[in-house]
Amino acid sequence: MRENRALSETAEHTRLTITAITADKPTQCRLMGMGIGLGKEVELLRNRRGDVVIRNGNSRITLGREIASRILGRAVRPGKE
């Protein structure tokens, strides 16, 4: 399971490295302002029918499903720090 996958399609409690953001430029800028950018490692905490919640460092960030579907990541192997 090392392929790129949208956050909205990823299982809960999965650690990911962000590999692509396919949103428009203003959305990319907002995400960068929240510390979500290429190469950043995040953990997907909740992925249910509504929003998607990720952990970014010590922060928890809630994203709508549309934006979460535009953020692609690759799963980090367990035990990698």
PDB file of N, CA and C in Angstrom:
ATOM      1  N   MET A   1       0.844  -1.190   0.000  1.00  0.00           N
ATOM      2  CA  MET A   1       0.000   0.000   0.000  1.00  0.00           C
ATOM      3  C   MET A   1       0.883   1.245   0.000  1.00  0.00           C
ATOM      4  N   ARG A   2       1.727   1.370  -0.959  1.00  0.00           N
ATOM      5  CA  ARG A   2       2.626   2.507  -1.047  1.00  0.00           C
ATOM      6  C   ARG A   2       2.235   3.442  -2.190  1.00  0.00           C
ATOM      7  N   GLU A   3       1.043   3.285  -2.764  1.00  0.00           N
ATOM      8  CA  GLU A   3       0.641   4.147  -3.863  1.00  0.00           C
ATOM      9  C   GLU A   3       0.028   5.444  -3.336  1.00  0.00           C
ATOM     10  N   ASN A   4      -0.053   6.424  -4.207  1.00  0.00           N
ATOM     11  CA  ASN A   4      -0.688   7.692  -3.840  1.00  0.00           C
ATOM     12  C   ASN A   4      -2.184   7.481  -3.720  1.00  0.00           C
ATOM     13  N   ARG A   5      -2.750   8.095  -2.693  1.00  0.00           N
ATOM     14  CA  ARG A   5      -4.178   7.949  -2.450  1.00  0.00           C
ATOM     15  C   ARG A   5      -4.697   9.254  -1.850  1.00  0.00           C
ATOM     16  N   ALA A   6      -5.906   9.633  -2.217  1.00  0.00           N
ATOM     17  CA  ALA A   6      -6.516  10.842  -1.668  1.00  0.00           C
ATOM     18  C   ALA A   6      -6.806  10.648  -0.183  1.00  0.00           C
ATOM     19  N   LEU A   7      -6.705  11.730   0.586  1.00  0.00           N
ATOM     20  CA  LEU A   7      -7.015  11.643   2.011  1.00  0.00           C
ATOM     21  C   LEU A   7      -8.435  11.130   2.235  1.00  0.00           C
ATOM     22  N   SER A   8      -9.361  11.523   1.369  1.00  0.00           N
ATOM     23  CA  SER A   8     -10.758  11.116   1.522  1.00  0.00           C
ATOM     24  C   SER A   8     -10.956   9.621   1.280  1.00  0.00           C
ATOM     25  N   GLU A   9      -9.963   8.941   0.728  1.00  0.00           N
ATOM     26  CA  GLU A   9     -10.062   7.503   0.434  1.00  0.00           C
ATOM     27  C   GLU A   9      -9.113   6.674   1.297  1.00  0.00           C
ATOM     28  N   THR A  10      -8.552   7.271   2.324  1.00  0.00           N
ATOM     29  CA  THR A  10      -7.553   6.611   3.162  1.00  0.00           C
ATOM     30  C   THR A  10      -8.177   6.171   4.479  1.00  0.00           C
ATOM     31  N   ALA A  11      -7.732   5.035   4.989  1.00  0.00           N
ATOM     32  CA  ALA A  11      -8.250   4.504   6.250  1.00  0.00           C
ATOM     33  C   ALA A  11      -7.812   5.373   7.430  1.00  0.00           C
ATOM     34  N   GLU A  12      -8.644   5.386   8.458  1.00  0.00           N
ATOM     35  CA  GLU A  12      -8.321   6.129   9.677  1.00  0.00           C
ATOM     36  C   GLU A  12      -7.053   5.582  10.321  1.00  0.00           C
ATOM     37  N   HIS A  13      -6.358   6.433  11.040  1.00  0.00           N
ATOM     38  CA  HIS A  13      -5.129   6.111  11.773  1.00  0.00           C
ATOM     39  C   HIS A  13      -3.979   5.706  10.853  1.00  0.00           C
ATOM     40  N   THR A  14      -3.978   6.248   9.640  1.00  0.00           N
ATOM     41  CA  THR A  14      -2.896   6.019   8.686  1.00  0.00           C
ATOM     42  C   THR A  14      -2.012   7.252   8.649  1.00  0.00           C
ATOM     43  N   ARG A  15      -0.700   7.059   8.721  1.00  0.00           N
ATOM     44  CA  ARG A  15       0.255   8.161   8.570  1.00  0.00           C
ATOM     45  C   ARG A  15       0.628   8.259   7.102  1.00  0.00           C
ATOM     46  N   LEU A  16       0.635   9.485   6.584  1.00  0.00           N
ATOM     47  CA  LEU A  16       0.897   9.731   5.171  1.00  0.00           C
ATOM     48  C   LEU A  16       1.911  10.837   4.988  1.00  0.00           C
ATOM     49  N   THR A  17       2.637  10.756   3.892  1.00  0.00           N
ATOM     50  CA  THR A  17       3.447  11.870   3.426  1.00  0.00           C
ATOM     51  C   THR A  17       2.723  12.458   2.233  1.00  0.00           C
ATOM     52  N   ILE A  18       2.452  13.749   2.264  1.00  0.00           N
ATOM     53  CA  ILE A  18       1.715  14.400   1.180  1.00  0.00           C
ATOM     54  C   ILE A  18       2.602  14.468  -0.059  1.00  0.00           C
ATOM     55  N   THR A  19       2.082  13.956  -1.177  1.00  0.00           N
ATOM     56  CA  THR A  19       2.846  13.889  -2.418  1.00  0.00           C
ATOM     57  C   THR A  19       2.317  14.827  -3.499  1.00  0.00           C
ATOM     58  N   ALA A  20       1.061  15.248  -3.403  1.00  0.00           N
ATOM     59  CA  ALA A  20       0.495  16.152  -4.415  1.00  0.00           C
ATOM     60  C   ALA A  20      -0.738  16.838  -3.844  1.00  0.00           C
ATOM     61  N   ILE A  21      -0.965  18.069  -4.317  1.00  0.00           N
ATOM     62  CA  ILE A  21      -2.192  18.807  -3.998  1.00  0.00           C
ATOM     63  C   ILE A  21      -2.727  19.324  -5.317  1.00  0.00           C
ATOM     64  N   THR A  22      -3.906  18.838  -5.711  1.00  0.00           N
ATOM     65  CA  THR A  22      -4.455  19.164  -7.024  1.00  0.00           C
ATOM     66  C   THR A  22      -5.514  20.264  -6.968  1.00  0.00           C
ATOM     67  N   ALA A  23      -5.587  20.974  -5.871  1.00  0.00           N
ATOM     68  CA  ALA A  23      -6.557  22.063  -5.713  1.00  0.00           C
ATOM     69  C   ALA A  23      -6.075  23.316  -6.445  1.00  0.00           C
ATOM     70  N   ASP A  24      -6.964  24.307  -6.549  1.00  0.00           N
ATOM     71  CA  ASP A  24      -6.587  25.574  -7.190  1.00  0.00           C
ATOM     72  C   ASP A  24      -5.586  26.333  -6.309  1.00  0.00           C
ATOM     73  N   LYS A  25      -4.970  27.344  -6.870  1.00  0.00           N
ATOM     74  CA  LYS A  25      -3.903  28.084  -6.174  1.00  0.00           C
ATOM     75  C   LYS A  25      -4.359  28.714  -4.861  1.00  0.00           C
ATOM     76  N   PRO A  26      -5.539  29.378  -4.805  1.00  0.00           N
ATOM     77  CA  PRO A  26      -5.946  29.949  -3.512  1.00  0.00           C
ATOM     78  C   PRO A  26      -6.107  28.890  -2.420  1.00  0.00           C
ATOM     79  N   THR A  27      -6.637  27.723  -2.776  1.00  0.00           N
ATOM     80  CA  THR A  27      -6.788  26.643  -1.800  1.00  0.00           C
ATOM     81  C   THR A  27      -5.429  26.106  -1.383  1.00  0.00           C
ATOM     82  N   GLN A  28      -4.513  25.972  -2.326  1.00  0.00           N
ATOM     83  CA  GLN A  28      -3.161  25.530  -1.996  1.00  0.00           C
ATOM     84  C   GLN A  28      -2.499  26.503  -1.021  1.00  0.00           C
ATOM     85  N   CYS A  29      -2.698  27.782  -1.230  1.00  0.00           N
ATOM     86  CA  CYS A  29      -2.119  28.802  -0.329  1.00  0.00           C
ATOM     87  C   CYS A  29      -2.713  28.692   1.070  1.00  0.00           C
ATOM     88  N   ARG A  30      -4.025  28.473   1.165  1.00  0.00           N
ATOM     89  CA  ARG A  30      -4.657  28.306   2.478  1.00  0.00           C
ATOM     90  C   ARG A  30      -4.119  27.071   3.187  1.00  0.00           C
ATOM     91  N   LEU A  31      -3.960  25.974   2.434  1.00  0.00           N
ATOM     92  CA  LEU A  31      -3.423  24.750   3.023  1.00  0.00           C
ATOM     93  C   LEU A  31      -1.989  24.963   3.505  1.00  0.00           C
ATOM     94  N   MET A  32      -1.195  25.659   2.705  1.00  0.00           N
ATOM     95  CA  MET A  32       0.179  25.961   3.117  1.00  0.00           C
ATOM     96  C   MET A  32       0.185  26.780   4.408  1.00  0.00           C
ATOM     97  N   GLY A  33      -0.760  27.702   4.531  1.00  0.00           N
ATOM     98  CA  GLY A  33      -0.879  28.505   5.745  1.00  0.00           C
ATOM     99  C   GLY A  33      -1.201  27.665   6.970  1.00  0.00           C
ATOM    100  N   MET A  34      -1.820  26.508   6.768  1.00  0.00           N
ATOM    101  CA  MET A  34      -2.130  25.587   7.863  1.00  0.00           C
ATOM    102  C   MET A  34      -1.017  24.562   8.061  1.00  0.00           C
ATOM    103  N   GLY A  35       0.043  24.686   7.266  1.00  0.00           N
ATOM    104  CA  GLY A  35       1.163  23.760   7.393  1.00  0.00           C
ATOM    105  C   GLY A  35       0.998  22.472   6.620  1.00  0.00           C
ATOM    106  N   ILE A  36       0.070  22.461   5.663  1.00  0.00           N
ATOM    107  CA  ILE A  36      -0.164  21.272   4.850  1.00  0.00           C
ATOM    108  C   ILE A  36       0.432  21.520   3.476  1.00  0.00           C
ATOM    109  N   GLY A  37       1.550  20.847   3.196  1.00  0.00           N
ATOM    110  CA  GLY A  37       2.238  21.037   1.921  1.00  0.00           C
ATOM    111  C   GLY A  37       2.955  19.771   1.498  1.00  0.00           C
ATOM    112  N   LEU A  38       3.570  19.828   0.335  1.00  0.00           N
ATOM    113  CA  LEU A  38       4.277  18.665  -0.196  1.00  0.00           C
ATOM    114  C   LEU A  38       5.380  18.219   0.753  1.00  0.00           C
ATOM    115  N   GLY A  39       5.471  16.915   0.956  1.00  0.00           N
ATOM    116  CA  GLY A  39       6.495  16.348   1.819  1.00  0.00           C
ATOM    117  C   GLY A  39       6.135  16.326   3.299  1.00  0.00           C
ATOM    118  N   LYS A  40       5.047  16.973   3.676  1.00  0.00           N
ATOM    119  CA  LYS A  40       4.631  17.026   5.084  1.00  0.00           C
ATOM    120  C   LYS A  40       4.022  15.689   5.486  1.00  0.00           C
ATOM    121  N   GLU A  41       4.367  15.211   6.685  1.00  0.00           N
ATOM    122  CA  GLU A  41       3.790  13.975   7.188  1.00  0.00           C
ATOM    123  C   GLU A  41       2.621  14.303   8.108  1.00  0.00           C
ATOM    124  N   VAL A  42       1.472  13.686   7.845  1.00  0.00           N
ATOM    125  CA  VAL A  42       0.258  13.895   8.640  1.00  0.00           C
ATOM    126  C   VAL A  42      -0.319  12.531   9.011  1.00  0.00           C
ATOM    127  N   GLU A  43      -1.196  12.526   9.995  1.00  0.00           N
ATOM    128  CA  GLU A  43      -1.907  11.296  10.363  1.00  0.00           C
ATOM    129  C   GLU A  43      -3.390  11.541  10.175  1.00  0.00           C
ATOM    130  N   LEU A  44      -4.056  10.639   9.490  1.00  0.00           N
ATOM    131  CA  LEU A  44      -5.491  10.744   9.273  1.00  0.00           C
ATOM    132  C   LEU A  44      -6.193  10.161  10.500  1.00  0.00           C
ATOM    133  N   LEU A  45      -6.881  11.012  11.259  1.00  0.00           N
ATOM    134  CA  LEU A  45      -7.524  10.580  12.494  1.00  0.00           C
ATOM    135  C   LEU A  45      -8.959  10.124  12.284  1.00  0.00           C
ATOM    136  N   ARG A  46      -9.693  10.826  11.422  1.00  0.00           N
ATOM    137  CA  ARG A  46     -11.095  10.465  11.202  1.00  0.00           C
ATOM    138  C   ARG A  46     -11.442  10.633   9.740  1.00  0.00           C
ATOM    139  N   ASN A  47     -12.099   9.634   9.189  1.00  0.00           N
ATOM    140  CA  ASN A  47     -12.562   9.677   7.803  1.00  0.00           C
ATOM    141  C   ASN A  47     -13.894   8.961   7.752  1.00  0.00           C
ATOM    142  N   ARG A  48     -14.925   9.726   7.953  1.00  0.00           N
ATOM    143  CA  ARG A  48     -16.270   9.154   7.927  1.00  0.00           C
ATOM    144  C   ARG A  48     -17.036   9.834   6.818  1.00  0.00           C
ATOM    145  N   ARG A  49     -18.318   9.775   6.840  1.00  0.00           N
ATOM    146  CA  ARG A  49     -19.115  10.331   5.736  1.00  0.00           C
ATOM    147  C   ARG A  49     -18.964  11.834   5.560  1.00  0.00           C
ATOM    148  N   GLY A  50     -18.694  12.538   6.620  1.00  0.00           N
ATOM    149  CA  GLY A  50     -18.587  13.993   6.535  1.00  0.00           C
ATOM    150  C   GLY A  50     -17.167  14.453   6.318  1.00  0.00           C
ATOM    151  N   ASP A  51     -16.665  15.148   7.293  1.00  0.00           N
ATOM    152  CA  ASP A  51     -15.337  15.742   7.178  1.00  0.00           C
ATOM    153  C   ASP A  51     -14.223  14.730   7.413  1.00  0.00           C
ATOM    154  N   VAL A  52     -13.002  15.183   7.157  1.00  0.00           N
ATOM    155  CA  VAL A  52     -11.793  14.395   7.378  1.00  0.00           C
ATOM    156  C   VAL A  52     -10.953  15.172   8.385  1.00  0.00           C
ATOM    157  N   VAL A  53     -10.487  14.493   9.429  1.00  0.00           N
ATOM    158  CA  VAL A  53      -9.679  15.138  10.457  1.00  0.00           C
ATOM    159  C   VAL A  53      -8.271  14.564  10.379  1.00  0.00           C
ATOM    160  N   ILE A  54      -7.280  15.462  10.305  1.00  0.00           N
ATOM    161  CA  ILE A  54      -5.888  15.031  10.270  1.00  0.00           C
ATOM    162  C   ILE A  54      -5.133  15.642  11.439  1.00  0.00           C
ATOM    163  N   ARG A  55      -4.050  14.980  11.824  1.00  0.00           N
ATOM    164  CA  ARG A  55      -3.135  15.532  12.821  1.00  0.00           C
ATOM    165  C   ARG A  55      -1.918  16.030  12.060  1.00  0.00           C
ATOM    166  N   ASN A  56      -1.584  17.279  12.295  1.00  0.00           N
ATOM    167  CA  ASN A  56      -0.428  17.909  11.673  1.00  0.00           C
ATOM    168  C   ASN A  56       0.440  18.430  12.813  1.00  0.00           C
ATOM    169  N   GLY A  57       1.427  17.641  13.206  1.00  0.00           N
ATOM    170  CA  GLY A  57       2.211  18.014  14.385  1.00  0.00           C
ATOM    171  C   GLY A  57       1.349  17.882  15.615  1.00  0.00           C
ATOM    172  N   ASN A  58       1.205  18.974  16.375  1.00  0.00           N
ATOM    173  CA  ASN A  58       0.357  18.973  17.564  1.00  0.00           C
ATOM    174  C   ASN A  58      -1.034  19.513  17.293  1.00  0.00           C
ATOM    175  N   SER A  59      -1.339  19.822  16.034  1.00  0.00           N
ATOM    176  CA  SER A  59      -2.629  20.399  15.678  1.00  0.00           C
ATOM    177  C   SER A  59      -3.536  19.368  15.022  1.00  0.00           C
ATOM    178  N   ARG A  60      -4.819  19.545  15.223  1.00  0.00           N
ATOM    179  CA  ARG A  60      -5.821  18.756  14.504  1.00  0.00           C
ATOM    180  C   ARG A  60      -6.530  19.705  13.553  1.00  0.00           C
ATOM    181  N   ILE A  61      -6.668  19.261  12.315  1.00  0.00           N
ATOM    182  CA  ILE A  61      -7.268  20.098  11.281  1.00  0.00           C
ATOM    183  C   ILE A  61      -8.410  19.329  10.643  1.00  0.00           C
ATOM    184  N   THR A  62      -9.556  19.991  10.508  1.00  0.00           N
ATOM    185  CA  THR A  62     -10.713  19.392   9.857  1.00  0.00           C
ATOM    186  C   THR A  62     -10.797  19.923   8.439  1.00  0.00           C
ATOM    187  N   LEU A  63     -10.917  19.009   7.486  1.00  0.00           N
ATOM    188  CA  LEU A  63     -11.033  19.364   6.074  1.00  0.00           C
ATOM    189  C   LEU A  63     -12.335  18.815   5.513  1.00  0.00           C
ATOM    190  N   GLY A  64     -12.956  19.569   4.621  1.00  0.00           N
ATOM    191  CA  GLY A  64     -14.125  19.065   3.908  1.00  0.00           C
ATOM    192  C   GLY A  64     -13.710  17.945   2.957  1.00  0.00           C
ATOM    193  N   ARG A  65     -14.658  17.106   2.585  1.00  0.00           N
ATOM    194  CA  ARG A  65     -14.355  15.964   1.717  1.00  0.00           C
ATOM    195  C   ARG A  65     -13.835  16.399   0.356  1.00  0.00           C
ATOM    196  N   GLU A  66     -14.332  17.510  -0.171  1.00  0.00           N
ATOM    197  CA  GLU A  66     -13.886  17.980  -1.493  1.00  0.00           C
ATOM    198  C   GLU A  66     -12.393  18.331  -1.466  1.00  0.00           C
ATOM    199  N   ILE A  67     -11.981  19.069  -0.462  1.00  0.00           N
ATOM    200  CA  ILE A  67     -10.561  19.428  -0.355  1.00  0.00           C
ATOM    201  C   ILE A  67      -9.729  18.188  -0.038  1.00  0.00           C
ATOM    202  N   ALA A  68     -10.220  17.330   0.848  1.00  0.00           N
ATOM    203  CA  ALA A  68      -9.488  16.112   1.196  1.00  0.00           C
ATOM    204  C   ALA A  68      -9.291  15.208  -0.022  1.00  0.00           C
ATOM    205  N   SER A  69     -10.219  15.265  -0.957  1.00  0.00           N
ATOM    206  CA  SER A  69     -10.081  14.431  -2.166  1.00  0.00           C
ATOM    207  C   SER A  69      -9.000  14.971  -3.104  1.00  0.00           C
ATOM    208  N   ARG A  70      -8.565  16.203  -2.896  1.00  0.00           N
ATOM    209  CA  ARG A  70      -7.547  16.828  -3.742  1.00  0.00           C
ATOM    210  C   ARG A  70      -6.142  16.787  -3.133  1.00  0.00           C
ATOM    211  N   ILE A  71      -6.034  16.204  -1.945  1.00  0.00           N
ATOM    212  CA  ILE A  71      -4.728  16.048  -1.291  1.00  0.00           C
ATOM    213  C   ILE A  71      -4.343  14.573  -1.378  1.00  0.00           C
ATOM    214  N   LEU A  72      -3.239  14.302  -2.067  1.00  0.00           N
ATOM    215  CA  LEU A  72      -2.789  12.922  -2.254  1.00  0.00           C
ATOM    216  C   LEU A  72      -1.597  12.645  -1.360  1.00  0.00           C
ATOM    217  N   GLY A  73      -1.546  11.424  -0.857  1.00  0.00           N
ATOM    218  CA  GLY A  73      -0.439  11.052   0.008  1.00  0.00           C
ATOM    219  C   GLY A  73      -0.056   9.598  -0.167  1.00  0.00           C
ATOM    220  N   ARG A  74       1.107   9.286   0.348  1.00  0.00           N
ATOM    221  CA  ARG A  74       1.635   7.916   0.326  1.00  0.00           C
ATOM    222  C   ARG A  74       1.794   7.475   1.769  1.00  0.00           C
ATOM    223  N   ALA A  75       1.304   6.268   2.072  1.00  0.00           N
ATOM    224  CA  ALA A  75       1.376   5.746   3.437  1.00  0.00           C
ATOM    225  C   ALA A  75       2.825   5.611   3.884  1.00  0.00           C
ATOM    226  N   VAL A  76       3.071   5.961   5.140  1.00  0.00           N
ATOM    227  CA  VAL A  76       4.390   5.839   5.753  1.00  0.00           C
ATOM    228  C   VAL A  76       4.463   4.460   6.388  1.00  0.00           C
ATOM    229  N   ARG A  77       5.570   3.769   6.182  1.00  0.00           N
ATOM    230  CA  ARG A  77       5.719   2.445   6.788  1.00  0.00           C
ATOM    231  C   ARG A  77       5.680   2.540   8.297  1.00  0.00           C
ATOM    232  N   PRO A  78       4.994   1.587   8.949  1.00  0.00           N
ATOM    233  CA  PRO A  78       4.983   1.584  10.420  1.00  0.00           C
ATOM    234  C   PRO A  78       6.404   1.498  10.970  1.00  0.00           C
ATOM    235  N   GLY A  79       6.645   2.228  12.034  1.00  0.00           N
ATOM    236  CA  GLY A  79       7.957   2.212  12.659  1.00  0.00           C
ATOM    237  C   GLY A  79       8.916   3.240  12.110  1.00  0.00           C
ATOM    238  N   LYS A  80       8.587   3.891  10.992  1.00  0.00           N
ATOM    239  CA  LYS A  80       9.460   4.923  10.440  1.00  0.00           C
ATOM    240  C   LYS A  80       9.232   6.211  11.187  1.00  0.00           C
ATOM    241  N   GLU A  81      10.258   6.809  11.669  1.00  0.00           N
ATOM    242  CA  GLU A  81      10.150   8.084  12.410  1.00  0.00           C
ATOM    243  C   GLU A  81      10.861   9.163  11.646  1.00  0.00           C
TER     244      GLU A  81
END
